[in-house]
Amino acid sequence: MSITRRKALLLPAAFAASAMLPGLTPARARAQSGPLRIEITEGVIEPLPIALPDFVAENSGGQQYAAQLGRVISGNLVNTGLFREIPASAHVGRITSFDASVSYADWRAVNAQALVTGAVAASGGRMTVKFRLFDVFSGQQMGEGLQFGGPTDSWRRMAHKVSDAVYSRITGEGGYFDSRVVFVAETGPRDNRRKQLAIMDQDGANVQYLTDGNALVFAPRFSPDGGRILYTSYETGFPRIYVMELSSLRRQVLGDQPGTMTFAPRFAPNGQTVIYSLARGGTTDLYTLDLSSGRIVQLTNAPSIATAPSFSPDGGRVVFESDRSGTQQLYVMAAGGGEARRISNGPGRYGTPVWSPRGDLVAFTKSHQGRFHIGVMRTDGSGERLLTASFLDEGPSWAPNGRVIMFTRETAGGDPSLYSVDISGRNLRRIPTSTAASDPAWSPLLA
C-alpha cells in the first residue's frame, strides 16, 4: 500500500491493494582577511550580514519600484538562512547614485560584509534594473555589474535574477529564485475538498489557477523546459494522465488504454519521453511513452506495485518505489528497464523518490514508527540522512540548484501546507500560500 496517508485515500481500493554526504553541512562565513564567500561545507556560523539599501530611482517611472525590488531581493536571500539583512535604520552610508564610489568605512561601521547597490528606470511599460555587489571588508566589487531589462510587470522576475546573481557570487552555487512552483491548492471542507492546480513564483507570489477544481487532481510535474505540466486527474472517474501547455492551458490525455488506470507521470530529461505507472489486472508497472511517435514501452513486469519513477539527470537510470520485497522500498534500474537494484536499506518504508538535478542524491519520503520524514541518500543508497520529522511530511521536490527541497507537511487534524528545507537539514520554513496546499513541484530556472 502507498506510503502516503493522504494519497492512499485518493486511489480506488483495487489499486491500493494491488560517512556525511558532501555539501550537507551548514554555511560558514569567510574570515575577514579572505575573499567574501559563504562556504556551504563546514560548521554553523551566524548568517552573513548583508546591506541592501533601496535601489536608486533614475527617473520618475522607477520610483515605485526602487524599494519593492530591494524587499524581494532581501526576502529571497534571508529566506535561505545564509544571510542576515542589516536594517536600513542602522545604515550610516547612503546610496544616492548608482555610479558613485562606495564609502566602505560607512558599511564596515555597521558590520556589513556584503553590500548590494542597484538602480531602476522605467518608462513606456519597460524598465531597466542594474546592480553591483561589493565585498565590504576587502573594499572590492565582486565581478562586473549586471543589468536586466523587460516589461514593468516583470519587475519581480528581475528582482529574482538579481537575487540569483548575488547568491551565486557569494556561495559559488547556482541560484534558484527565478523559478516557479506548481502545486495543488485545496479549499472547502474535508469531506468535500476542492482541489485545483495552481502555479506561483517560488516565494509564493503571482498565484495563477490552472484548473477549475471540478475534478480531483494531484502530482503535477514540470517539463525540463518549464513550458508544460504533467498531472493526474480523476476527471473521468478514474486516474488519467494529462499534459498541459502553460502558455495556452491546452491539455490532452496521455497513455490512455481501456481498462487501465494511469498515474505518477514524470518527464525524461529530453522532454520527449514520459514515464508513468499503469495499473491493470491487479498489477502496477512502469511504462514509457514517446510523445512524438506515441510508442509505449513496458519497463517492469512483476506481480507487485512499481510507481513514483524519476529519471537521473543524464536520462540513463530511473529510481522508483516498489513493494516487490514485501515492503515499500526504493530501486534503481536502467532507463530502458531490466534488473532493478534496491537502494533503501534502513528500517521503515520508503517512497516518492526524486533524483537531484545535480545527479548525486535521491530525495525520498520515509515512514517509520508512526512518523514521516523527508530524507536524502546517495544514489547507491549509502549515506541516508533524514532532514525532517512530523505527523506527515511527503512528496519532496528539488530546487533547480539541488540545494533546497520543497514538500507537503500536514499536522494531525490540520490542513496541508508547503514547506522547504536545506539539504543540510537547516532552515525549515513554511512557504506562504493563500489556501491549503500540497504536491509541490519545482520548475527549472526560467529562461
Foldseek 3Di string as FASTA:
>chain_A
DDPAPVVLVVADPLQNQLVADALQEAWDFDDLVDDGAIESGDHDDQAAEEEEPFEAEPDPVCPVCRNVLSVLLVVQVVLVRRYDYDDPVQFPDDDHDQPDQDPLVRVVVSPHQKYKYKYKYDDPQKMKIKIWMDGSSVRDTQDDIDMDMDGPVCSSLVSQVVSQVVNCSHHVFGGFQQWKKWWWFWDDDPVDIFTFIWMAGPQAPDIDTLDDRPWDKAQWAAFQQRQKIWIWTCPVPATWIKIAGPVVSDIDTAPDDPQKGKGQWYAALVRQKIWTWIDHPSEIFIWMAGNVPRDIDTADDDSWHWGLWEAQNVRFKIKIWICVVPAIFIWMDTNNHDDIDTQADDPFHWGNWYAFNVRFKIWIWTDDPQKIFIWIAGPNNPNIDTLDIANDWGAWEARQRRFKIKTWDDHVVGAIFIWMAGSSSPSIDTRDYPGRIHNMYMHHRHD
